[in-house]
Structure formats: structure tokens, C-alpha cells
Amino acid sequence: MLKIINRMYIGTKIRFSDFINNLKQEETGVSSIVATVLLILIVVLLASVFWSYISEWFETMWTKITQNADTISQP
């Protein structure tokens, strides 16, 4: 029984090691990760640049929503 457990453990360890080595050698996913990080950075920078306009729009929308919420709840 112990031999079977040892074989399963060693086999799993070898497969996992091969998987990690293949993952380290493949560089196809790196460019998509870099592109995603750059897009997120651009969105955050644009949001910070236009924050005054965005916050004004949110305040206007929130005011409209809360004013209309009173009329919706009444039968």
C-alpha cells in the first residue's frame, strides 16, 4: 500500500513540476497580461483626470434617482 502511495505522490510531483516548467517557458500569455495591465492603468488615469466631471455626473444622477424613488414607492 505504501508503494502505491509513493508512486502516486512521485507521479503527481513530476506532472506538477513539468506543468510549472512549461508555464515558465511559454511566453504567449505574458503579452495579454501586460496589455490588460496597461488598459487598466489607462482607465484609472483617465478617471483621475476627469474626476471632477465624473463626480458631478454621479451626483446629478444620484439626485435624480433619490428624488424619483419617493414617487415610485407610493401606491
Protein backbone atom coordinates (compact mmCIF):
# COMPACT_ATOMS: atom_id res chain seq x y z
CA MET A 1 0.00 0.00 0.00
CA LEU A 2 2.84 2.37 0.83
CA LYS A 3 4.44 1.70 -2.58
CA ILE A 4 1.23 2.74 -4.35
CA ILE A 5 1.02 5.97 -2.35
CA ASN A 6 4.69 6.72 -3.06
CA ARG A 7 4.22 6.09 -6.79
CA MET A 8 1.13 8.33 -6.88
CA TYR A 9 2.95 11.08 -4.98
CA ILE A 10 6.05 10.92 -7.18
CA GLY A 11 3.94 10.83 -10.36
CA THR A 12 1.92 13.83 -9.24
CA LYS A 13 5.05 15.71 -8.26
CA ILE A 14 6.64 15.03 -11.67
CA ARG A 15 3.49 16.11 -13.55
CA PHE A 16 3.22 19.28 -11.48
CA SER A 17 6.90 20.04 -11.99
CA ASP A 18 6.53 19.58 -15.75
CA PHE A 19 3.47 21.83 -15.73
CA ILE A 20 5.35 24.59 -13.88
CA ASN A 21 8.35 24.30 -16.21
CA ASN A 22 6.11 24.54 -19.30
CA LEU A 23 4.31 27.50 -17.78
CA LYS A 24 7.61 29.30 -17.17
CA GLN A 25 8.84 28.64 -20.72
CA GLU A 26 5.68 29.75 -22.51
CA GLU A 27 5.60 33.48 -23.10
CA THR A 28 2.40 33.71 -25.12
CA GLY A 29 0.30 34.68 -22.11
CA VAL A 30 2.68 37.41 -20.98
CA SER A 31 1.69 39.85 -23.71
CA SER A 32 -2.01 39.57 -22.89
CA ILE A 33 -1.31 40.14 -19.20
CA VAL A 34 0.80 43.21 -19.99
CA ALA A 35 -1.92 44.55 -22.31
CA THR A 36 -4.56 44.06 -19.61
CA VAL A 37 -2.46 45.86 -17.01
CA LEU A 38 -1.85 48.74 -19.42
CA LEU A 39 -5.58 49.05 -20.20
CA ILE A 40 -6.43 49.13 -16.51
CA LEU A 41 -3.75 51.78 -15.95
CA ILE A 42 -5.13 53.91 -18.79
CA VAL A 43 -8.68 53.68 -17.41
CA VAL A 44 -7.54 54.67 -13.93
CA LEU A 45 -5.52 57.60 -15.28
CA LEU A 46 -8.44 58.84 -17.39
CA ALA A 47 -10.79 58.53 -14.42
CA SER A 48 -8.41 60.56 -12.27
CA VAL A 49 -8.02 63.25 -14.94
CA PHE A 50 -11.78 63.64 -15.47
CA TRP A 51 -12.78 63.03 -11.85
CA SER A 52 -14.50 66.40 -11.39
CA TYR A 53 -16.75 65.79 -14.39
CA ILE A 54 -17.43 62.20 -13.39
CA SER A 55 -18.27 63.06 -9.79
CA GLU A 56 -20.59 65.86 -10.93
CA TRP A 57 -22.40 63.45 -13.25
CA PHE A 58 -22.73 60.86 -10.46
CA GLU A 59 -24.12 63.45 -8.07
CA THR A 60 -26.66 64.60 -10.66
CA MET A 61 -27.75 61.03 -11.39
CA TRP A 62 -27.96 60.16 -7.69
CA THR A 63 -30.10 63.21 -7.01
CA LYS A 64 -32.46 62.27 -9.84
CA ILE A 65 -32.68 58.69 -8.58
CA THR A 66 -33.36 59.61 -4.98
CA GLN A 67 -35.96 62.23 -5.94
CA ASN A 68 -37.82 59.72 -8.12
CA ALA A 69 -37.56 56.95 -5.53
CA ASP A 70 -40.11 58.67 -3.30
CA THR A 71 -42.71 58.75 -6.07
CA ILE A 72 -42.12 55.11 -7.05
CA SER A 73 -42.73 53.68 -3.56
CA GLN A 74 -46.12 55.41 -3.13
CA PRO A 75 -49.18 53.44 -4.35
